[in-house]
Amino acid sequence: MTVAGVEPEAGSSPAADGNCEASQPESYIRTRVAELRKRFRTHNLDLDECSSNPAAECWLVRNLTPFNRLIHRVSIEVVEMEPGKLGVFSFDSELNNSLEEDALYDAAYIFTWLTKHRCVETIQLASKVLLQQPSYLLSMGLSPNIRHLRLGMEGFRVVTEEELCEGLGFLVRLESFELIGLDIGHKLASAFADLLKRNAGHLKKVSFSHNYNVSQRSVNAILRGLLHCTRLTELTFDNNVKPRAMKMVAKLVRSSSMLRTLSLKNSSHNDESMAILARAFEGKNSVRELKLCNCQASLAPFFRALEVNETLQDLDLTDSNVSERAMDGLSAALARNTGLHSLVLKTCQLEDEDMEKLAEALEVNRTLRSLNLSHNLQGIRGSSVLCKVLGKNKTLKNVVLSTYRIEDHERPTLTSQLARSQCYG
């Protein structure tokens, strides 16, 4: 029997392996598919796959509006991403918690059928929709045509490792892969590593964020897979990275000629790891944008590397540990660095003394254009000294100061200083 382009093994229902929350007999599946086809035919639509001829336009492209009207009830939407190229998106809605079992199975069948269309190249699944029941659909639905896959499962785990590993095994043309909020065991980490190696020649964007229970063994496995991705331009790896794993990140930074954006939020709480990463930025590399948010390790080694780094343009250190020693290093780096254009120091617990050190560096820096100092602890003294230096530094065009410790009676003083430094308009 063929169900929406998917052929179960003989003698079994799609849930026969026990992974589905509610197994259904084959007669139920036949009835649901017949009902779906009937419903679509009343709107002059069909459930046929598009032509295998690349030159032929899929009928689905021409019928997105009526098609979406029918599938919105199960929280699925099809969007034309580029001419002739479609994306399948699931979305959370108030209906999700009240969908009847029939509707959940309908969603599974529609999703599984859609991914068989040659024109569908993007899949983005939200946390609850399509991952409730039957969860086997993920392994049945992932198609070798898919180029962009985003799975957002934060706080809602229903897909088993076996099912996800099976689905990932079909993917051979990925250009971007994003995984958010998943409990990653070592078996799944190994499957991700194999996926990265298998798609290494065309993967450009990879993102692992807000995942949990990820052991260092699993982190190492994934990073070993990433070392094969020679065309990578954007990498997000927001998991704790210990020294052994950071050596692989550093190797990727040094060896890649195409990596432009690197995010390591929540990744470095170890001074040795930060020192390893810093050495990679002392030499030649292609990274233009770096996010080290919530870094609790000492940043002093990285700021020393920043003194000689000529390629990094945007640096985000939100919520990071900028100690007194590190601030000395940052000030020295800003006085010598000639490449950095944007610096974010939000919520870094900076006080008046830190602002004074920054101001000294900004008197000589001629490349920084944007500086975000919001949600810090400076008072009128630190804010005033920064405003004064703005009258001398003509390169810095955007400075953000907010939630500073200034009393109402001190505000006119700061306003006057801003006016004298020609910071308005």
Protein backbone atom coordinates (compact mmCIF):
# COMPACT_ATOMS: atom_id res chain seq x y z
CA MET A 1 0.00 0.00 0.00
CA THR A 2 1.23 3.49 -0.81
CA VAL A 3 0.26 6.28 1.57
CA ALA A 4 0.94 9.74 0.17
CA GLY A 5 4.07 8.58 -1.56
CA VAL A 6 5.36 6.49 1.38
CA GLU A 7 5.34 2.71 1.21
CA PRO A 8 5.33 0.89 4.59
CA GLU A 9 7.00 -2.49 4.88
CA ALA A 10 4.80 -5.44 4.04
CA GLY A 11 2.73 -6.76 6.92
CA SER A 12 3.21 -3.76 9.16
CA SER A 13 1.54 -0.49 9.94
CA PRO A 14 3.68 2.69 10.03
CA ALA A 15 3.76 2.41 13.82
CA ALA A 16 4.55 -1.27 14.02
CA ASP A 17 7.94 -0.66 15.62
CA GLY A 18 6.27 0.75 18.71
CA ASN A 19 7.74 4.23 18.39
CA CYS A 20 4.42 5.81 17.49
CA GLU A 21 2.26 6.81 20.43
CA ALA A 22 -0.84 5.22 18.94
CA SER A 23 -0.55 2.45 16.36
CA GLN A 24 -3.36 2.28 13.82
CA PRO A 25 -4.50 -0.59 11.56
CA GLU A 26 -3.98 -0.39 7.83
CA SER A 27 -7.71 0.04 7.27
CA TYR A 28 -7.62 3.25 9.33
CA ILE A 29 -4.74 4.58 7.21
CA ARG A 30 -6.60 3.78 3.98
CA THR A 31 -9.71 5.54 5.27
CA ARG A 32 -7.81 8.68 6.36
CA VAL A 33 -5.94 8.97 3.06
CA ALA A 34 -9.15 8.47 1.08
CA GLU A 35 -10.80 11.20 3.15
CA LEU A 36 -7.88 13.55 2.55
CA ARG A 37 -7.92 12.94 -1.20
CA LYS A 38 -11.67 13.52 -1.32
CA ARG A 39 -11.34 16.77 0.61
CA PHE A 40 -8.61 18.03 -1.71
CA ARG A 41 -10.51 17.04 -4.87
CA THR A 42 -13.48 19.18 -3.82
CA HIS A 43 -11.10 22.15 -4.07
CA ASN A 44 -9.71 21.04 -7.45
CA LEU A 45 -6.47 19.94 -5.82
CA ASP A 46 -4.77 16.57 -5.81
CA LEU A 47 -2.22 14.64 -3.77
CA ASP A 48 -0.03 13.71 -6.70
CA GLU A 49 3.70 14.29 -6.56
CA CYS A 50 5.25 16.80 -8.92
CA SER A 51 6.93 15.73 -12.12
CA SER A 52 10.41 14.28 -11.96
CA ASN A 53 11.25 16.46 -14.95
CA PRO A 54 13.30 19.42 -13.59
CA ALA A 55 12.02 21.63 -16.41
CA ALA A 56 8.36 21.10 -15.48
CA GLU A 57 6.71 23.38 -12.93
CA CYS A 58 5.00 21.60 -10.05
CA TRP A 59 1.22 22.11 -9.85
CA LEU A 60 1.66 22.88 -6.13
CA VAL A 61 3.56 26.11 -6.90
CA ARG A 62 0.52 27.46 -8.76
CA ASN A 63 -1.95 26.48 -6.03
CA LEU A 64 -0.33 27.55 -2.77
CA THR A 65 -3.20 29.75 -1.54
CA PRO A 66 -6.00 27.16 -1.77
CA PHE A 67 -3.64 24.41 -0.65
CA ASN A 68 -2.61 26.34 2.47
CA ARG A 69 -6.24 26.99 3.36
CA LEU A 70 -6.72 23.25 3.67
CA ILE A 71 -3.57 22.43 5.62
CA HIS A 72 -3.60 25.35 8.09
CA ARG A 73 -5.99 23.35 10.27
CA VAL A 74 -3.12 20.99 11.04
CA SER A 75 -0.62 23.85 11.53
CA ILE A 76 1.36 23.39 8.33
CA GLU A 77 2.14 26.02 5.73
CA VAL A 78 3.90 25.84 2.36
CA VAL A 79 5.88 28.92 1.29
CA GLU A 80 7.59 29.70 -2.02
CA MET A 81 11.15 30.53 -0.94
CA GLU A 82 12.43 31.21 -4.46
CA PRO A 83 10.73 30.85 -7.84
CA GLY A 84 9.73 27.19 -8.07
CA LYS A 85 11.32 26.23 -4.72
CA LEU A 86 9.09 25.57 -1.71
CA GLY A 87 9.49 25.30 2.04
CA VAL A 88 7.29 23.36 4.48
CA PHE A 89 6.83 25.10 7.83
CA SER A 90 5.00 23.96 10.92
CA PHE A 91 3.85 26.51 13.47
CA ASP A 92 2.48 26.51 17.00
CA SER A 93 -1.08 27.69 17.41
CA GLU A 94 -3.88 27.50 19.95
CA LEU A 95 -5.23 24.50 18.04
CA ASN A 96 -2.19 22.36 18.79
CA ASN A 97 -3.32 21.29 22.24
CA SER A 98 -6.81 20.39 21.06
CA LEU A 99 -6.12 18.57 17.80
CA GLU A 100 -7.93 15.27 17.59
CA GLU A 101 -6.06 12.10 16.71
CA ASP A 102 -7.38 12.11 13.13
CA ALA A 103 -6.00 15.61 12.58
CA LEU A 104 -2.59 14.61 13.91
CA TYR A 105 -2.42 11.67 11.54
CA ASP A 106 -3.60 13.89 8.69
CA ALA A 107 -0.73 16.25 9.47
CA ALA A 108 1.69 13.33 9.36
CA TYR A 109 0.43 12.13 5.99
CA ILE A 110 0.44 15.60 4.43
CA PHE A 111 3.96 16.30 5.69
CA THR A 112 5.25 12.94 4.48
CA TRP A 113 3.70 13.48 1.07
CA LEU A 114 4.97 17.07 0.74
CA THR A 115 8.59 16.10 1.31
CA LYS A 116 8.43 13.77 -1.70
CA HIS A 117 7.95 16.74 -4.01
CA ARG A 118 11.11 17.65 -5.86
CA CYS A 119 10.30 21.35 -5.46
CA VAL A 120 10.27 21.16 -1.63
CA GLU A 121 13.82 21.96 -0.50
CA THR A 122 13.26 23.47 2.96
CA ILE A 123 11.73 21.99 6.12
CA GLN A 124 11.29 23.91 9.37
CA LEU A 125 9.49 22.11 12.20
CA ALA A 126 8.40 23.95 15.34
CA SER A 127 8.53 22.44 18.81
CA LYS A 128 5.12 20.78 19.06
CA VAL A 129 3.55 20.53 15.66
CA LEU A 130 4.17 17.32 13.70
CA LEU A 131 6.30 15.98 16.54
CA GLN A 132 3.42 14.93 18.78
CA GLN A 133 1.88 11.89 17.14
CA PRO A 134 2.70 9.89 15.14
CA SER A 135 6.38 10.65 15.64
CA TYR A 136 7.46 8.08 13.07
CA LEU A 137 6.63 10.63 10.37
CA LEU A 138 10.00 12.35 10.82
CA SER A 139 11.96 9.31 9.67
CA MET A 140 9.43 8.66 6.88
CA GLY A 141 9.23 12.24 5.70
CA LEU A 142 12.81 13.42 5.34
CA SER A 143 13.66 13.37 1.66
CA PRO A 144 16.98 13.41 -0.23
CA ASN A 145 15.68 16.54 -2.00
CA ILE A 146 15.91 18.59 1.20
CA ARG A 147 18.60 21.28 1.20
CA HIS A 148 17.63 23.22 4.34
CA LEU A 149 16.47 21.56 7.58
CA ARG A 150 15.61 23.27 10.86
CA LEU A 151 14.30 21.23 13.80
CA GLY A 152 13.18 23.31 16.78
CA MET A 153 12.26 20.96 19.60
CA GLU A 154 13.12 23.11 22.62
CA GLY A 155 11.51 21.78 25.79
CA PHE A 156 9.48 19.13 23.96
CA ARG A 157 11.05 15.76 23.28
CA VAL A 158 8.98 13.14 21.49
CA VAL A 159 11.12 11.95 18.60
CA THR A 160 13.34 9.03 19.57
CA GLU A 161 17.01 8.81 18.64
CA GLU A 162 16.27 5.83 16.39
CA GLU A 163 13.65 7.72 14.40
CA LEU A 164 15.75 10.83 13.97
CA CYS A 165 18.83 8.83 13.02
CA GLU A 166 16.78 7.00 10.38
CA GLY A 167 15.49 10.26 8.91
CA LEU A 168 18.92 11.88 8.85
CA GLY A 169 20.25 8.95 6.86
CA PHE A 170 18.29 10.06 3.78
CA LEU A 171 19.82 13.53 3.59
CA VAL A 172 22.59 13.94 1.03
CA ARG A 173 22.12 17.49 -0.36
CA LEU A 174 22.01 19.66 2.77
CA GLU A 175 23.24 23.24 2.57
CA SER A 176 22.01 24.31 6.03
CA PHE A 177 21.21 22.31 9.16
CA GLU A 178 19.88 23.80 12.42
CA LEU A 179 19.05 21.83 15.57
CA ILE A 180 17.52 23.60 18.55
CA GLY A 181 16.61 22.23 21.97
CA LEU A 182 17.30 18.51 21.64
CA ASP A 183 18.58 16.01 24.18
CA ILE A 184 21.62 14.67 22.30
CA GLY A 185 22.92 11.25 23.29
CA HIS A 186 26.08 9.77 21.81
CA LYS A 187 24.24 7.65 19.21
CA LEU A 188 22.51 10.75 17.89
CA ALA A 189 25.75 12.75 18.02
CA SER A 190 27.41 10.06 15.89
CA ALA A 191 24.51 10.29 13.40
CA PHE A 192 25.01 14.07 13.24
CA ALA A 193 28.74 13.56 12.62
CA ASP A 194 27.96 11.16 9.76
CA LEU A 195 25.44 13.66 8.37
CA LEU A 196 28.06 16.42 8.41
CA LYS A 197 30.64 14.24 6.65
CA ARG A 198 28.11 13.05 4.07
CA ASN A 199 27.09 16.64 3.23
CA ALA A 200 30.50 18.24 3.78
CA GLY A 201 30.92 19.35 0.18
CA HIS A 202 27.89 21.66 0.21
CA LEU A 203 27.02 22.50 3.84
CA LYS A 204 27.32 26.26 4.37
CA LYS A 205 25.42 26.84 7.62
CA VAL A 206 25.35 24.62 10.73
CA SER A 207 23.73 25.50 14.05
CA PHE A 208 23.54 23.56 17.32
CA SER A 209 21.92 25.71 20.02
CA HIS A 210 20.02 25.33 23.30
CA ASN A 211 20.61 21.58 23.30
CA TYR A 212 21.03 19.81 26.61
CA ASN A 213 22.61 16.74 28.24
CA VAL A 214 25.33 16.87 25.60
CA SER A 215 28.39 15.04 26.91
CA GLN A 216 31.90 16.07 25.92
CA ARG A 217 32.17 12.74 24.10
CA SER A 218 29.19 13.78 21.96
CA VAL A 219 30.58 17.31 21.51
CA ASN A 220 33.86 15.81 20.27
CA ALA A 221 32.04 13.52 17.80
CA ILE A 222 30.06 16.40 16.28
CA LEU A 223 33.11 18.65 16.01
CA ARG A 224 35.10 15.89 14.28
CA GLY A 225 32.33 15.79 11.69
CA LEU A 226 32.46 19.57 11.30
CA LEU A 227 36.16 19.45 10.44
CA HIS A 228 35.17 17.88 7.11
CA CYS A 229 32.92 20.83 6.16
CA THR A 230 35.26 22.84 3.98
CA ARG A 231 32.59 25.15 2.54
CA LEU A 232 31.14 26.24 5.89
CA THR A 233 30.43 29.99 6.12
CA GLU A 234 28.40 30.12 9.36
CA LEU A 235 28.72 27.97 12.49
CA THR A 236 26.76 28.19 15.74
CA PHE A 237 27.86 25.79 18.47
CA ASP A 238 26.34 26.98 21.72
CA ASN A 239 27.42 24.16 24.01
CA ASN A 240 30.16 23.98 26.63
CA VAL A 241 33.42 23.22 24.86
CA LYS A 242 36.29 21.86 26.93
CA PRO A 243 39.97 22.04 25.88
CA ARG A 244 40.10 18.89 23.74
CA ALA A 245 37.03 19.97 21.79
CA MET A 246 38.19 23.60 21.57
CA LYS A 247 41.32 22.39 19.77
CA MET A 248 39.01 21.18 16.98
CA VAL A 249 37.19 24.53 16.91
CA ALA A 250 40.56 26.28 16.70
CA LYS A 251 41.64 23.97 13.88
CA LEU A 252 38.43 24.80 12.00
CA VAL A 253 39.09 28.54 12.43
CA ARG A 254 42.66 28.23 11.18
CA SER A 255 41.97 25.89 8.27
CA SER A 256 38.73 27.29 6.86
CA SER A 257 38.96 29.92 4.14
CA MET A 258 35.19 30.49 3.96
CA LEU A 259 34.03 30.65 7.61
CA ARG A 260 32.67 34.15 8.18
CA THR A 261 30.40 33.87 11.25
CA LEU A 262 31.17 31.91 14.43
CA SER A 263 28.93 31.77 17.51
CA LEU A 264 30.21 30.09 20.67
CA LYS A 265 27.63 31.31 23.19
CA ASN A 266 27.75 29.49 26.55
CA SER A 267 30.68 27.49 25.23
CA SER A 268 33.71 28.65 27.16
CA HIS A 269 33.81 28.45 30.95
CA ASN A 270 37.37 27.15 30.98
CA ASP A 271 40.47 29.38 30.87
CA GLU A 272 42.47 26.76 28.96
CA SER A 273 39.76 26.52 26.30
CA MET A 274 39.75 30.29 25.84
CA ALA A 275 43.53 30.37 25.52
CA ILE A 276 43.34 27.72 22.78
CA LEU A 277 40.71 29.70 20.86
CA ALA A 278 42.69 32.93 21.29
CA ARG A 279 45.76 31.44 19.63
CA ALA A 280 43.67 30.60 16.56
CA PHE A 281 42.73 34.28 16.23
CA GLU A 282 46.34 35.43 16.45
CA GLY A 283 47.01 33.98 13.02
CA LYS A 284 45.37 34.45 9.65
CA ASN A 285 41.72 33.35 9.42
CA SER A 286 38.50 34.26 7.61
CA VAL A 287 36.14 34.90 10.58
CA ARG A 288 34.47 38.32 10.37
CA GLU A 289 31.83 37.97 13.12
CA LEU A 290 32.35 36.29 16.50
CA LYS A 291 29.86 35.83 19.35
CA LEU A 292 31.32 34.82 22.71
CA CYS A 293 28.26 35.62 24.82
CA ASN A 294 28.09 34.34 28.40
CA CYS A 295 31.78 33.50 28.41
CA GLN A 296 32.89 33.03 32.01
CA ALA A 297 36.50 32.20 31.22
CA SER A 298 39.22 34.84 31.33
CA LEU A 299 39.13 36.90 28.13
CA ALA A 300 42.61 38.35 28.63
CA PRO A 301 44.26 35.89 26.16
CA PHE A 302 41.66 36.68 23.51
CA PHE A 303 42.16 40.44 23.88
CA ARG A 304 45.90 39.94 23.38
CA ALA A 305 45.09 38.14 20.13
CA LEU A 306 42.78 40.99 19.15
CA GLU A 307 45.74 43.38 19.18
CA VAL A 308 47.17 41.69 16.07
CA ASN A 309 44.01 40.29 14.45
CA GLU A 310 43.16 42.14 11.23
CA THR A 311 40.09 40.24 9.97
CA LEU A 312 37.53 40.25 12.81
CA GLN A 313 34.96 43.03 12.31
CA ASP A 314 32.11 42.28 14.75
CA LEU A 315 32.57 41.03 18.31
CA ASP A 316 29.72 40.29 20.75
CA LEU A 317 30.64 39.70 24.41
CA THR A 318 27.17 40.05 25.96
CA ASP A 319 26.96 38.69 29.54
CA SER A 320 30.65 37.81 29.55
CA ASN A 321 33.29 38.03 32.25
CA VAL A 322 35.22 41.24 31.58
CA SER A 323 37.36 41.45 34.71
CA GLU A 324 39.66 44.35 35.62
CA ARG A 325 42.62 42.52 34.05
CA ALA A 326 40.59 41.69 30.95
CA MET A 327 39.47 45.32 30.61
CA ASP A 328 43.11 46.40 30.60
CA GLY A 329 43.65 43.94 27.76
CA LEU A 330 40.59 45.14 25.85
CA SER A 331 41.68 48.76 26.12
CA ALA A 332 45.15 47.87 24.84
CA ALA A 333 43.59 45.89 21.97
CA LEU A 334 41.28 48.74 20.94
CA ALA A 335 44.22 51.13 20.93
CA ARG A 336 46.10 48.91 18.44
CA ASN A 337 43.44 46.99 16.50
CA THR A 338 42.67 48.25 13.00
CA GLY A 339 39.90 45.89 11.89
CA LEU A 340 37.10 45.83 14.47
CA HIS A 341 33.98 47.79 13.47
CA SER A 342 31.40 46.71 16.07
CA LEU A 343 31.76 45.77 19.75
CA VAL A 344 28.93 44.64 22.06
CA LEU A 345 29.55 44.73 25.83
CA LYS A 346 25.97 44.42 27.09
CA THR A 347 25.44 43.29 30.69
CA CYS A 348 29.14 42.87 31.44
CA GLN A 349 28.99 44.51 34.90
CA LEU A 350 31.17 47.41 33.72
CA GLU A 351 31.66 50.27 36.19
CA ASP A 352 33.07 53.82 36.05
CA GLU A 353 36.70 52.67 36.08
CA ASP A 354 36.06 50.37 33.13
CA MET A 355 34.47 53.19 31.14
CA GLU A 356 37.48 55.41 31.80
CA LYS A 357 39.80 52.73 30.38
CA LEU A 358 37.57 52.36 27.34
CA ALA A 359 37.57 56.12 26.82
CA GLU A 360 41.38 56.22 26.77
CA ALA A 361 41.44 53.57 24.04
CA LEU A 362 38.73 55.32 22.02
CA GLU A 363 40.81 58.49 21.89
CA VAL A 364 43.24 56.71 19.56
CA ASN A 365 41.05 54.04 17.92
CA ARG A 366 40.01 55.00 14.39
CA THR A 367 38.11 51.95 13.12
CA LEU A 368 35.35 51.16 15.65
CA ARG A 369 31.97 52.41 14.39
CA SER A 370 29.47 50.90 16.85
CA LEU A 371 29.73 50.31 20.61
CA ASN A 372 26.93 48.82 22.74
CA LEU A 373 27.36 49.37 26.50
CA SER A 374 23.76 48.89 27.59
CA HIS A 375 22.77 47.39 30.96
CA ASN A 376 26.05 48.04 32.74
CA LEU A 377 26.79 49.63 36.13
CA GLN A 378 28.52 52.93 35.33
CA GLY A 379 27.34 56.16 36.91
CA ILE A 380 27.67 59.82 35.90
CA ARG A 381 31.48 59.72 36.01
CA GLY A 382 31.87 56.85 33.57
CA SER A 383 29.12 58.07 31.26
CA SER A 384 30.54 61.61 31.14
CA VAL A 385 34.06 60.54 30.25
CA LEU A 386 32.69 58.46 27.38
CA CYS A 387 30.63 61.39 26.12
CA LYS A 388 33.69 63.64 26.19
CA VAL A 389 35.73 61.28 24.05
CA LEU A 390 32.96 61.20 21.45
CA GLY A 391 33.82 64.80 20.66
CA LYS A 392 37.31 63.68 19.63
CA ASN A 393 36.56 60.31 18.00
CA LYS A 394 34.90 61.00 14.64
CA THR A 395 34.79 57.35 13.51
CA LEU A 396 32.46 56.04 16.22
CA LYS A 397 28.93 56.68 14.94
CA ASN A 398 26.72 54.68 17.30
CA VAL A 399 27.06 54.32 21.08
CA VAL A 400 24.36 52.69 23.22
CA LEU A 401 24.17 53.58 26.92
CA SER A 402 21.16 52.42 28.90
CA THR A 403 20.19 51.45 32.44
CA TYR A 404 23.12 53.39 33.85
CA ARG A 405 23.26 54.55 37.48
CA ILE A 406 22.57 58.25 37.13
CA GLU A 407 20.38 60.27 39.48
CA ASP A 408 17.74 62.63 38.11
CA HIS A 409 19.68 65.71 39.19
CA GLU A 410 22.75 64.45 37.27
CA ARG A 411 20.97 64.06 33.92
CA PRO A 412 21.28 67.74 32.83
CA THR A 413 25.05 67.46 33.23
CA LEU A 414 25.15 64.45 30.91
CA THR A 415 22.82 66.12 28.42
CA SER A 416 25.07 69.18 28.27
CA GLN A 417 28.11 66.99 27.76
CA LEU A 418 26.42 65.18 24.87
CA ALA A 419 25.53 68.50 23.27
CA ARG A 420 29.09 69.84 23.59
CA SER A 421 30.42 66.67 21.98
CA GLN A 422 27.90 67.06 19.13
CA CYS A 423 26.37 63.65 19.82
CA TYR A 424 22.83 64.61 18.81
CA GLY A 425 21.45 64.48 15.28
